Amino acid sequence: MKAWFSGGMIVRGKQLLQLYSYYSLLLALLLMITAGLDRSGTFVGNVRPVLMLSAASAYVVVAALFAALASRRPDPQAAVGYVFVEVALLAAMMLASGGLGSGFSSLLLIPLVISNLLAPGVLGFGVAAWITLAVFYTEYIQPQDINAAEVVRAGLYGLLAFVLAILTQGVSRRLNSALSLASEQASHLRRLQRFSQQALLDMPDGIIACDPGHTILLLNERAGQWFNLQQGDILPADLRFYGEQKLLEHHGENLLLRKVAVGHPDSGDYLLEIEDSARLAAEAQQIKLASLGRLTASIAHEIRNPLSALRQAAQLLEETPYLQEGEKQLTQIIEQHCLRINRTIEDVLQLSRRGKSSIETLRLAPWLTHFTGQFKAQHSAVPFHLDLHCSDDILVRFDADHLQQILHNLCANALRYACRHSGNNARLHIVAVALRTHKIQLDIMDNGGGVSAEQLPHLFEPFHTSEHNGTGLGLYLCRELCEANEARIQYYPVAGGACFRLTLNTPADIHSPGLSA
């Protein structure tokens, strides 16, 4: 019998089944109260009052059991079995009240409609046949009084029962098809909602969805980390603004806020998109450096070949025996400037040769220990002190090769100015500190006297240098490499020297495998 319900409406009709059980229990109670109070048989039970009261009492018991079963665990077999029992009890009460003319014929049609809605098919027609047999039994078989006109009336009632079953099953099939389509569409929408929600939560930018009262309906992990917010909180005042976008400085980061209306403009719902301007600048920097790479590669080939020929010619000319001392000095000047031009080309090519940043998770303390050891070995002939302060649990997200280039440039500059300003007492300090904003602050300090006020506005400009033999690309290269790794570099004056501060990112999950030292 279970196979008859596998594709029917009964699977999706649990709520209808529960409502019908409450209706049956209420009808049974009304009939029993009416039969108990109507001793004269004015309304019901005028032919057989004892049968009426007995059938009504049994109806209450069966309806109560069915209501309890339907409210806890709706069962299709129990529902259909109950319909057959209910029809039999209503037929008995119809017999006790005088037959079809008593009004019970209308009550018999309700179980017929419900059964054909819940279980369309053979079972629904079985209920119609059962009602037809019940009417014939109560009208003619049990009373043993056959009248041709009443037989026609009973036959028409049976025909009405089958016609009503056919119509109800047609409606049931349409409802079932509509519900199936609605269920498929709802399932598809739920899948799309899960996909879109997961995409929003995994975005590198911050996303905050708010209602007209600025209550946060949805936000991703990035936005929660930036502003320490949770779903259901009220949006802070500094994040509310009029217009389409706003630039906000938050804990040393420049954030770009965009406000996008959702749905109808009058609804008031809006989406707040928060982007890190450092990441946008890094993406723009990648495009700029790619163009610069193609340009410098062509320029390098055009300059290097005649430059090499010029230097070689100067060296050969210097070896000529008939040159006087003043003329030899001129050839040396030519060679020095050739070397300077070649060094400038090498610095420019460093910008063009590097590809896309290969950002990885670095354990900073052992990495810095290895770097300082190498730096001391490379400058062993120079007397200086290098101090390192970094806790063992600090992790950063950076390209290791790029970080090597940045620190080597900064430390080499710091050592040169410290030796010039402090002599044998030259000191360098590298200090790494974890900030509460999920950032790492890495300071490179020296006692070299600091940067003059005239040089500060041009500190990171390319080809601007105060050194006679410098190319002016060292700090520019450091800034470009930092932006390519979504980091920042800033200059801060300190007592007796300079401090270049790197603000680095930490990994999203510090327990992730594959750490590099």
Protein backbone atom coordinates (compact mmCIF):
# COMPACT_ATOMS: atom_id res chain seq x y z
CA MET A 1 0.00 0.00 0.00
CA LYS A 2 2.92 2.35 0.63
CA ALA A 3 3.68 2.35 -3.10
CA TRP A 4 0.33 4.03 -3.72
CA PHE A 5 1.48 7.10 -1.73
CA SER A 6 5.03 7.47 -3.10
CA GLY A 7 4.13 10.04 -5.76
CA GLY A 8 0.89 11.39 -4.30
CA MET A 9 -0.06 14.52 -2.50
CA ILE A 10 -0.03 12.71 0.85
CA VAL A 11 3.74 13.26 1.11
CA ARG A 12 3.24 17.04 1.03
CA GLY A 13 -0.18 17.06 2.79
CA LYS A 14 0.88 16.67 6.42
CA GLN A 15 -0.54 20.04 7.40
CA LEU A 16 -3.81 19.30 5.58
CA LEU A 17 -3.98 15.92 7.31
CA GLN A 18 -3.54 17.53 10.71
CA LEU A 19 -6.23 20.15 10.01
CA TYR A 20 -8.60 17.42 8.86
CA SER A 21 -8.00 15.43 12.05
CA TYR A 22 -8.92 18.49 14.13
CA TYR A 23 -12.06 18.98 12.03
CA SER A 24 -13.09 15.33 12.51
CA LEU A 25 -12.58 15.51 16.27
CA LEU A 26 -14.61 18.73 16.50
CA LEU A 27 -17.41 17.23 14.35
CA ALA A 28 -17.45 14.06 16.46
CA LEU A 29 -17.74 16.05 19.69
CA LEU A 30 -20.58 18.17 18.28
CA LEU A 31 -22.47 15.08 17.10
CA MET A 32 -22.05 13.30 20.43
CA ILE A 33 -23.17 16.39 22.40
CA THR A 34 -26.15 16.84 20.08
CA ALA A 35 -27.11 13.15 20.37
CA GLY A 36 -26.81 13.29 24.17
CA LEU A 37 -28.89 16.45 24.57
CA ASP A 38 -31.48 15.72 21.83
CA ARG A 39 -33.43 13.01 23.67
CA SER A 40 -36.54 13.60 21.54
CA GLY A 41 -34.68 13.02 18.25
CA THR A 42 -35.54 16.38 16.80
CA PHE A 43 -32.23 16.85 15.03
CA VAL A 44 -30.44 13.47 14.97
CA GLY A 45 -31.22 9.89 15.95
CA ASN A 46 -34.95 10.13 15.46
CA VAL A 47 -35.13 6.56 14.08
CA ARG A 48 -32.59 4.73 16.25
CA PRO A 49 -31.33 6.96 19.09
CA VAL A 50 -29.26 4.21 20.73
CA LEU A 51 -27.39 3.53 17.46
CA MET A 52 -26.87 7.28 17.02
CA LEU A 53 -25.35 7.72 20.48
CA SER A 54 -23.18 4.61 20.13
CA ALA A 55 -21.87 5.64 16.69
CA ALA A 56 -21.19 9.20 17.89
CA SER A 57 -19.28 7.92 20.92
CA ALA A 58 -17.19 5.59 18.76
CA TYR A 59 -16.62 8.50 16.36
CA VAL A 60 -15.18 10.63 19.19
CA VAL A 61 -12.81 7.87 20.31
CA VAL A 62 -11.57 7.11 16.79
CA ALA A 63 -11.24 10.82 15.88
CA ALA A 64 -9.25 11.53 19.08
CA LEU A 65 -6.85 8.67 18.34
CA PHE A 66 -6.43 9.84 14.77
CA ALA A 67 -5.82 13.47 15.85
CA ALA A 68 -3.14 12.33 18.29
CA LEU A 69 -1.45 10.20 15.61
CA ALA A 70 -1.67 12.94 12.94
CA SER A 71 -0.17 15.60 15.24
CA ARG A 72 2.82 13.42 16.18
CA ARG A 73 3.61 11.39 13.04
CA PRO A 74 1.24 11.61 10.05
CA ASP A 75 0.88 8.15 8.48
CA PRO A 76 -0.75 7.70 5.04
CA GLN A 77 -2.02 4.17 5.78
CA ALA A 78 -3.55 5.25 9.08
CA ALA A 79 -5.15 8.27 7.35
CA VAL A 80 -6.84 6.17 4.66
CA GLY A 81 -7.90 3.54 7.16
CA TYR A 82 -9.42 6.27 9.30
CA VAL A 83 -11.39 7.63 6.30
CA PHE A 84 -13.01 4.22 5.73
CA VAL A 85 -13.91 3.92 9.43
CA GLU A 86 -15.22 7.50 9.49
CA VAL A 87 -17.45 6.86 6.47
CA ALA A 88 -18.85 3.75 8.15
CA LEU A 89 -19.62 5.65 11.37
CA LEU A 90 -21.22 8.55 9.51
CA ALA A 91 -23.30 6.06 7.49
CA ALA A 92 -24.45 4.44 10.76
CA MET A 93 -25.48 7.85 12.14
CA MET A 94 -27.25 8.59 8.84
CA LEU A 95 -29.15 5.29 9.19
CA ALA A 96 -30.09 6.21 12.78
CA SER A 97 -31.31 9.66 11.64
CA GLY A 98 -33.51 8.64 8.72
CA GLY A 99 -31.27 8.23 5.65
CA LEU A 100 -30.18 10.64 2.94
CA GLY A 101 -32.69 13.29 3.90
CA SER A 102 -31.14 13.74 7.37
CA GLY A 103 -28.22 15.86 6.13
CA PHE A 104 -25.46 13.35 6.78
CA SER A 105 -25.03 12.91 3.03
CA SER A 106 -23.24 16.28 2.93
CA LEU A 107 -20.91 15.23 5.75
CA LEU A 108 -19.96 12.11 3.76
CA LEU A 109 -18.66 14.25 0.91
CA ILE A 110 -16.02 15.95 3.07
CA PRO A 111 -14.01 12.74 3.72
CA LEU A 112 -14.36 11.99 0.01
CA VAL A 113 -12.77 15.32 -1.00
CA ILE A 114 -10.00 15.07 1.62
CA SER A 115 -9.08 11.49 0.69
CA ASN A 116 -8.86 12.34 -3.02
CA LEU A 117 -6.69 15.34 -2.23
CA LEU A 118 -4.37 13.37 0.00
CA ALA A 119 -4.27 10.12 -1.98
CA PRO A 120 -5.30 10.59 -5.62
CA GLY A 121 -5.66 7.48 -7.73
CA VAL A 122 -7.27 4.10 -7.12
CA LEU A 123 -7.51 4.71 -3.39
CA GLY A 124 -9.53 7.90 -3.91
CA PHE A 125 -12.00 6.06 -6.13
CA GLY A 126 -12.13 3.30 -3.51
CA VAL A 127 -13.38 5.84 -0.97
CA ALA A 128 -16.06 7.00 -3.47
CA ALA A 129 -17.15 3.37 -3.98
CA TRP A 130 -17.17 2.79 -0.22
CA ILE A 131 -19.44 5.83 0.28
CA THR A 132 -21.77 4.62 -2.50
CA LEU A 133 -22.03 1.16 -0.90
CA ALA A 134 -22.65 2.74 2.50
CA VAL A 135 -25.53 4.81 1.10
CA PHE A 136 -27.13 1.79 -0.62
CA TYR A 137 -26.74 -0.28 2.55
CA THR A 138 -28.28 2.30 4.85
CA GLU A 139 -31.08 3.14 2.43
CA TYR A 140 -32.23 -0.25 1.08
CA ILE A 141 -30.26 -3.29 2.19
CA GLN A 142 -30.51 -2.78 5.93
CA PRO A 143 -34.12 -1.42 5.99
CA GLN A 144 -35.14 -3.91 3.26
CA ASP A 145 -37.37 -1.26 1.71
CA ILE A 146 -36.71 -0.72 -1.99
CA ASN A 147 -38.33 2.25 -3.79
CA ALA A 148 -37.56 2.90 -7.46
CA ALA A 149 -37.42 6.72 -7.06
CA GLU A 150 -35.17 6.48 -4.02
CA VAL A 151 -32.92 3.98 -5.82
CA VAL A 152 -32.45 6.55 -8.61
CA ARG A 153 -31.68 9.20 -6.00
CA ALA A 154 -29.12 6.95 -4.33
CA GLY A 155 -27.62 6.13 -7.71
CA LEU A 156 -27.33 9.80 -8.56
CA TYR A 157 -25.64 10.38 -5.18
CA GLY A 158 -23.15 7.61 -5.99
CA LEU A 159 -22.53 9.17 -9.42
CA LEU A 160 -22.00 12.53 -7.71
CA ALA A 161 -19.44 10.90 -5.41
CA PHE A 162 -17.43 9.54 -8.37
CA VAL A 163 -17.69 12.82 -10.32
CA LEU A 164 -16.53 14.71 -7.24
CA ALA A 165 -13.63 12.25 -6.85
CA ILE A 166 -12.59 12.80 -10.49
CA LEU A 167 -12.73 16.59 -10.17
CA THR A 168 -10.88 16.55 -6.85
CA GLN A 169 -8.14 14.32 -8.24
CA GLY A 170 -7.72 16.70 -11.18
CA VAL A 171 -7.30 19.58 -8.78
CA SER A 172 -4.94 17.43 -6.69
CA ARG A 173 -2.74 16.66 -9.67
CA ARG A 174 -2.55 20.33 -10.58
CA LEU A 175 -1.71 21.24 -7.01
CA ASN A 176 0.85 18.47 -6.85
CA SER A 177 2.49 19.67 -10.07
CA ALA A 178 2.51 23.27 -8.85
CA LEU A 179 3.96 22.22 -5.49
CA SER A 180 6.63 20.11 -7.17
CA LEU A 181 7.63 23.03 -9.39
CA ALA A 182 7.61 25.38 -6.43
CA SER A 183 9.69 22.93 -4.40
CA GLU A 184 12.26 22.58 -7.20
CA GLN A 185 12.46 26.34 -7.61
CA ALA A 186 12.77 26.83 -3.86
CA SER A 187 15.54 24.24 -3.73
CA HIS A 188 17.31 25.94 -6.65
CA LEU A 189 16.97 29.33 -4.97
CA ARG A 190 18.34 27.93 -1.70
CA ARG A 191 21.36 26.54 -3.57
CA LEU A 192 21.95 29.86 -5.30
CA GLN A 193 21.57 31.62 -1.96
CA ARG A 194 24.17 29.34 -0.38
CA PHE A 195 26.56 29.92 -3.30
CA SER A 196 26.12 33.69 -3.24
CA GLN A 197 26.40 33.84 0.55
CA GLN A 198 29.56 31.73 0.53
CA ALA A 199 31.01 33.91 -2.23
CA LEU A 200 30.29 37.02 -0.16
CA LEU A 201 31.82 35.52 2.97
CA ASP A 202 35.01 34.47 1.15
CA MET A 203 35.60 37.79 -0.61
CA PRO A 204 38.88 39.56 0.25
CA ASP A 205 36.88 42.79 0.60
CA GLY A 206 34.51 43.60 3.44
CA ILE A 207 30.75 43.20 2.88
CA ILE A 208 28.07 44.52 5.26
CA ALA A 209 24.32 44.30 4.50
CA CYS A 210 22.07 46.65 6.50
CA ASP A 211 18.38 47.50 6.80
CA PRO A 212 17.00 51.08 6.83
CA GLY A 213 17.68 51.29 10.58
CA HIS A 214 21.39 50.49 10.03
CA THR A 215 21.04 47.08 11.68
CA ILE A 216 23.59 44.61 10.30
CA LEU A 217 21.81 41.73 8.54
CA LEU A 218 24.89 40.03 7.08
CA LEU A 219 28.63 40.59 7.09
CA ASN A 220 31.64 38.55 6.05
CA GLU A 221 34.68 37.65 8.12
CA ARG A 222 36.83 40.41 6.64
CA ALA A 223 34.43 43.18 7.69
CA GLY A 224 34.07 41.62 11.14
CA GLN A 225 37.85 41.65 11.62
CA TRP A 226 38.22 45.24 10.46
CA PHE A 227 35.52 46.76 12.68
CA ASN A 228 34.86 44.05 15.35
CA LEU A 229 31.20 43.75 14.35
CA GLN A 230 28.66 40.93 14.52
CA GLN A 231 25.34 40.20 12.87
CA GLY A 232 22.57 42.13 14.62
CA ASP A 233 24.79 45.04 15.72
CA ILE A 234 24.09 48.63 14.79
CA LEU A 235 26.40 50.02 12.11
CA PRO A 236 28.95 52.45 13.65
CA ALA A 237 28.49 56.14 12.91
CA ASP A 238 31.76 56.46 10.98
CA LEU A 239 30.53 53.87 8.47
CA ARG A 240 27.30 55.76 7.70
CA PHE A 241 27.52 58.32 4.94
CA TYR A 242 25.51 59.90 2.16
CA GLY A 243 26.51 59.48 -1.45
CA GLU A 244 28.02 56.54 -3.27
CA GLN A 245 31.51 56.23 -1.77
CA LYS A 246 33.76 57.45 1.02
CA LEU A 247 37.46 57.15 1.93
CA LEU A 248 38.01 56.13 5.56
CA GLU A 249 41.27 55.83 7.49
CA HIS A 250 40.92 53.02 10.04
CA HIS A 251 43.82 51.88 12.26
CA GLY A 252 46.39 53.07 9.76
CA GLU A 253 44.62 51.56 6.75
CA ASN A 254 42.95 53.52 3.96
CA LEU A 255 39.59 51.90 3.24
CA LEU A 256 37.31 52.71 0.31
CA LEU A 257 33.60 52.43 1.20
CA ARG A 258 30.92 52.03 -1.47
CA LYS A 259 27.20 52.12 -0.69
CA VAL A 260 24.90 50.16 -3.01
CA ALA A 261 21.10 50.19 -2.69
CA VAL A 262 19.46 46.76 -2.71
CA GLY A 263 16.00 46.18 -4.17
CA HIS A 264 13.60 49.10 -4.54
CA PRO A 265 15.17 52.47 -3.67
CA ASP A 266 12.36 53.17 -1.18
CA SER A 267 13.04 49.96 0.75
CA GLY A 268 16.11 51.46 2.44
CA ASP A 269 18.15 48.25 2.41
CA TYR A 270 21.74 48.73 1.29
CA LEU A 271 25.03 46.91 0.89
CA LEU A 272 28.31 48.38 2.11
CA GLU A 273 31.36 47.29 0.11
CA ILE A 274 34.69 47.93 1.87
CA GLU A 275 37.93 47.65 -0.10
CA ASP A 276 41.49 48.01 1.08
CA SER A 277 43.07 50.74 -1.03
CA ALA A 278 46.46 49.08 -0.51
CA ARG A 279 45.25 45.98 -2.34
CA LEU A 280 43.79 48.09 -5.14
CA ALA A 281 47.06 49.99 -5.39
CA ALA A 282 48.95 46.68 -5.49
CA GLU A 283 46.83 45.45 -8.40
CA ALA A 284 47.35 48.74 -10.24
CA GLN A 285 51.04 48.50 -9.46
CA GLN A 286 51.25 45.05 -11.05
CA ILE A 287 49.81 46.46 -14.28
CA LYS A 288 52.12 49.47 -14.16
CA LEU A 289 55.20 47.36 -13.54
CA ALA A 290 54.29 44.98 -16.35
CA SER A 291 54.20 47.93 -18.75
CA LEU A 292 57.43 49.27 -17.29
CA GLY A 293 59.06 45.89 -17.74
CA ARG A 294 58.34 45.77 -21.44
CA LEU A 295 59.60 49.35 -21.85
CA THR A 296 62.83 48.91 -19.87
CA ALA A 297 63.67 45.63 -21.56
CA SER A 298 63.73 47.32 -24.94
CA ILE A 299 65.59 50.37 -23.59
CA ALA A 300 68.21 48.20 -21.86
CA HIS A 301 69.13 46.46 -25.10
CA GLU A 302 69.40 49.79 -26.90
CA ILE A 303 71.66 51.33 -24.21
CA ARG A 304 73.76 48.41 -23.03
CA ASN A 305 75.34 47.52 -26.37
CA PRO A 306 76.73 51.01 -27.15
CA LEU A 307 77.54 51.47 -23.44
CA SER A 308 79.66 48.32 -23.40
CA ALA A 309 81.43 49.43 -26.58
CA LEU A 310 82.03 52.86 -25.06
CA ARG A 311 83.51 51.42 -21.86
CA GLN A 312 85.70 48.97 -23.76
CA ALA A 313 86.95 51.78 -26.00
CA ALA A 314 87.80 53.88 -22.92
CA GLN A 315 89.72 50.98 -21.37
CA LEU A 316 91.68 50.40 -24.58
CA LEU A 317 92.38 54.10 -24.91
CA GLU A 318 93.69 54.21 -21.34
CA GLU A 319 96.22 51.48 -22.18
CA THR A 320 97.66 53.52 -25.06
CA PRO A 321 101.29 54.36 -24.14
CA TYR A 322 101.40 57.86 -25.63
CA LEU A 323 98.50 59.21 -23.50
CA GLN A 324 99.42 61.80 -20.95
CA GLU A 325 98.23 61.72 -17.31
CA GLY A 326 95.41 64.23 -17.83
CA GLU A 327 94.06 62.28 -20.79
CA LYS A 328 94.10 59.06 -18.75
CA GLN A 329 91.97 60.74 -16.09
CA LEU A 330 89.43 61.58 -18.78
CA THR A 331 89.19 57.90 -19.78
CA GLN A 332 88.67 56.97 -16.12
CA ILE A 333 85.83 59.48 -15.87
CA ILE A 334 84.25 57.91 -18.96
CA GLU A 335 84.50 54.44 -17.39
CA GLN A 336 83.05 55.60 -14.04
CA HIS A 337 80.03 57.14 -15.73
CA CYS A 338 79.58 54.02 -17.83
CA LEU A 339 79.48 51.99 -14.62
CA ARG A 340 76.98 54.43 -13.11
CA ILE A 341 74.71 54.21 -16.14
CA ASN A 342 74.97 50.41 -16.09
CA ARG A 343 74.04 50.35 -12.38
CA THR A 344 71.00 52.51 -13.11
CA ILE A 345 69.93 50.07 -15.79
CA GLU A 346 70.34 47.16 -13.36
CA ASP A 347 68.15 48.90 -10.77
CA VAL A 348 65.46 49.63 -13.31
CA LEU A 349 65.54 46.05 -14.56
CA GLN A 350 64.92 44.82 -11.02
CA LEU A 351 61.49 46.39 -11.32
CA SER A 352 60.78 44.82 -14.68
CA ARG A 353 62.24 41.34 -14.17
CA ARG A 354 60.18 40.36 -11.15
CA GLY A 355 56.95 38.61 -11.91
CA LYS A 356 53.78 38.43 -9.87
CA SER A 357 54.30 38.34 -6.12
CA SER A 358 54.47 34.82 -4.71
CA ILE A 359 53.09 35.64 -1.28
CA GLU A 360 53.64 32.98 1.39
CA THR A 361 53.46 32.68 5.16
CA LEU A 362 56.80 33.42 6.82
CA ARG A 363 57.79 32.81 10.42
CA LEU A 364 59.46 36.15 10.91
CA ALA A 365 61.88 35.56 13.80
CA PRO A 366 64.03 32.78 12.19
CA TRP A 367 63.79 34.52 8.82
CA LEU A 368 65.16 37.77 10.25
CA THR A 369 67.86 35.89 12.18
CA HIS A 370 69.05 34.33 8.92
CA PHE A 371 68.94 37.69 7.14
CA THR A 372 70.91 39.57 9.82
CA GLY A 373 73.55 36.82 9.79
CA GLN A 374 73.97 37.21 6.03
CA PHE A 375 74.02 41.02 6.25
CA LYS A 376 76.72 41.01 8.94
CA ALA A 377 78.84 38.60 6.88
CA GLN A 378 78.54 40.80 3.77
CA HIS A 379 79.65 43.91 5.71
CA SER A 380 82.17 42.27 8.03
CA ALA A 381 84.79 44.89 7.15
CA VAL A 382 82.63 47.71 8.57
CA PRO A 383 82.40 48.15 12.38
CA PHE A 384 78.71 48.38 13.42
CA HIS A 385 76.16 46.88 15.82
CA LEU A 386 72.94 45.24 14.62
CA ASP A 387 70.20 44.44 17.18
CA LEU A 388 67.17 42.26 16.41
CA HIS A 389 63.97 42.09 18.49
CA CYS A 390 61.21 39.76 17.25
CA SER A 391 59.07 37.23 19.13
CA ASP A 392 58.98 33.66 17.85
CA ASP A 393 55.21 33.55 17.24
CA ILE A 394 55.01 36.37 14.66
CA LEU A 395 53.85 35.28 11.20
CA VAL A 396 53.63 37.47 8.08
CA ARG A 397 52.31 37.12 4.55
CA PHE A 398 54.98 38.28 2.08
CA ASP A 399 57.11 37.24 -0.87
CA ALA A 400 60.40 36.07 0.66
CA ASP A 401 62.55 37.35 -2.24
CA HIS A 402 60.86 40.73 -2.16
CA LEU A 403 61.32 41.04 1.60
CA GLN A 404 65.00 40.16 1.15
CA GLN A 405 65.41 42.99 -1.40
CA ILE A 406 63.55 45.52 0.76
CA LEU A 407 65.47 44.83 3.97
CA HIS A 408 68.82 44.68 2.17
CA ASN A 409 68.22 48.10 0.57
CA LEU A 410 67.00 49.66 3.85
CA CYS A 411 69.76 48.17 5.98
CA ALA A 412 72.47 49.08 3.44
CA ASN A 413 71.25 52.69 3.36
CA ALA A 414 70.99 52.78 7.16
CA LEU A 415 74.51 51.39 7.58
CA ARG A 416 75.99 53.88 5.11
CA TYR A 417 74.43 56.90 6.84
CA ALA A 418 75.12 55.53 10.35
CA CYS A 419 78.82 55.03 9.57
CA ARG A 420 79.01 58.50 8.07
CA HIS A 421 77.28 60.14 11.06
CA SER A 422 78.44 58.01 14.01
CA GLY A 423 81.69 56.44 12.81
CA ASN A 424 82.62 53.25 14.64
CA ASN A 425 79.53 53.62 16.87
CA ALA A 426 77.13 52.88 13.98
CA ARG A 427 74.00 51.05 15.20
CA LEU A 428 71.09 49.39 13.42
CA HIS A 429 67.91 48.12 15.10
CA ILE A 430 65.32 45.79 13.60
CA VAL A 431 62.16 45.55 15.75
CA ALA A 432 59.00 43.55 14.90
CA VAL A 433 55.78 44.10 16.88
CA ALA A 434 52.34 42.50 16.44
CA LEU A 435 49.49 45.03 16.37
CA ARG A 436 45.89 44.46 17.49
CA THR A 437 44.66 45.15 13.94
CA HIS A 438 46.04 41.82 12.63
CA LYS A 439 49.09 43.63 11.25
CA ILE A 440 52.84 43.35 11.90
CA GLN A 441 54.94 46.48 12.37
CA LEU A 442 58.58 46.02 11.29
CA ASP A 443 60.91 48.95 12.05
CA ILE A 444 64.45 49.41 10.63
CA MET A 445 66.16 52.15 12.68
CA ASP A 446 69.64 53.68 12.63
CA ASN A 447 71.65 56.47 14.25
CA GLY A 448 72.59 58.11 10.96
CA GLY A 449 71.14 61.55 11.67
CA GLY A 450 67.85 61.10 9.80
CA VAL A 451 66.53 62.55 6.56
CA SER A 452 66.75 66.28 6.05
CA ALA A 453 63.59 68.35 5.75
CA GLU A 454 64.44 69.21 2.12
CA GLN A 455 64.63 65.54 1.14
CA LEU A 456 61.40 64.37 2.85
CA PRO A 457 58.94 65.39 0.09
CA HIS A 458 61.00 63.47 -2.52
CA LEU A 459 61.95 60.49 -0.35
CA PHE A 460 60.28 57.76 -2.43
CA GLU A 461 60.46 59.45 -5.83
CA PRO A 462 62.37 57.55 -8.54
CA PHE A 463 65.75 58.89 -9.68
CA HIS A 464 65.90 61.40 -6.84
CA THR A 465 69.01 60.95 -4.67
CA SER A 466 71.35 62.99 -2.50
CA GLU A 467 74.26 60.63 -3.24
CA HIS A 468 76.62 61.47 -6.05
CA ASN A 469 76.89 57.84 -7.13
CA GLY A 470 73.31 56.86 -6.28
CA THR A 471 70.59 56.00 -8.76
CA GLY A 472 67.63 57.15 -6.65
CA LEU A 473 65.75 53.88 -7.18
CA GLY A 474 66.42 52.08 -3.90
CA LEU A 475 63.54 53.47 -1.79
CA TYR A 476 61.30 53.63 -4.85
CA LEU A 477 61.92 49.93 -5.42
CA CYS A 478 61.16 49.21 -1.74
CA ARG A 479 57.81 51.01 -1.99
CA GLU A 480 56.87 49.23 -5.22
CA LEU A 481 57.67 45.83 -3.72
CA CYS A 482 55.66 46.63 -0.58
CA GLU A 483 52.61 47.66 -2.62
CA ALA A 484 52.89 44.47 -4.68
CA ASN A 485 52.61 42.53 -1.39
CA GLU A 486 49.72 44.65 0.00
CA ALA A 487 52.07 46.22 2.56
CA ARG A 488 53.12 49.78 3.33
CA ILE A 489 56.42 51.55 3.98
CA GLN A 490 56.64 54.86 5.85
CA TYR A 491 59.39 57.06 7.21
CA TYR A 492 59.45 58.28 10.83
CA PRO A 493 62.19 60.45 12.34
CA VAL A 494 63.71 59.18 15.62
CA ALA A 495 66.21 60.74 17.99
CA GLY A 496 69.55 60.90 16.19
CA GLY A 497 68.50 58.82 13.23
CA ALA A 498 65.79 57.48 10.92
CA CYS A 499 63.14 54.78 11.09
CA PHE A 500 61.58 53.08 8.06
CA ARG A 501 58.45 51.23 9.13
CA LEU A 502 56.93 48.31 7.19
CA THR A 503 53.29 47.40 7.91
CA LEU A 504 52.86 43.75 6.93
CA ASN A 505 49.84 41.45 6.75
CA THR A 506 49.34 38.38 8.93
CA PRO A 507 47.89 35.11 7.58
CA ALA A 508 44.13 34.66 7.84
CA ASP A 509 44.64 31.39 9.74
CA ILE A 510 47.83 31.28 11.81
CA HIS A 511 47.45 27.50 12.22
CA SER A 512 47.58 26.85 8.49
CA PRO A 513 50.24 24.35 7.37
CA GLY A 514 53.16 25.08 5.09
CA LEU A 515 54.91 27.82 7.07
CA SER A 516 58.23 29.07 5.73
CA ALA A 517 61.10 30.27 7.84
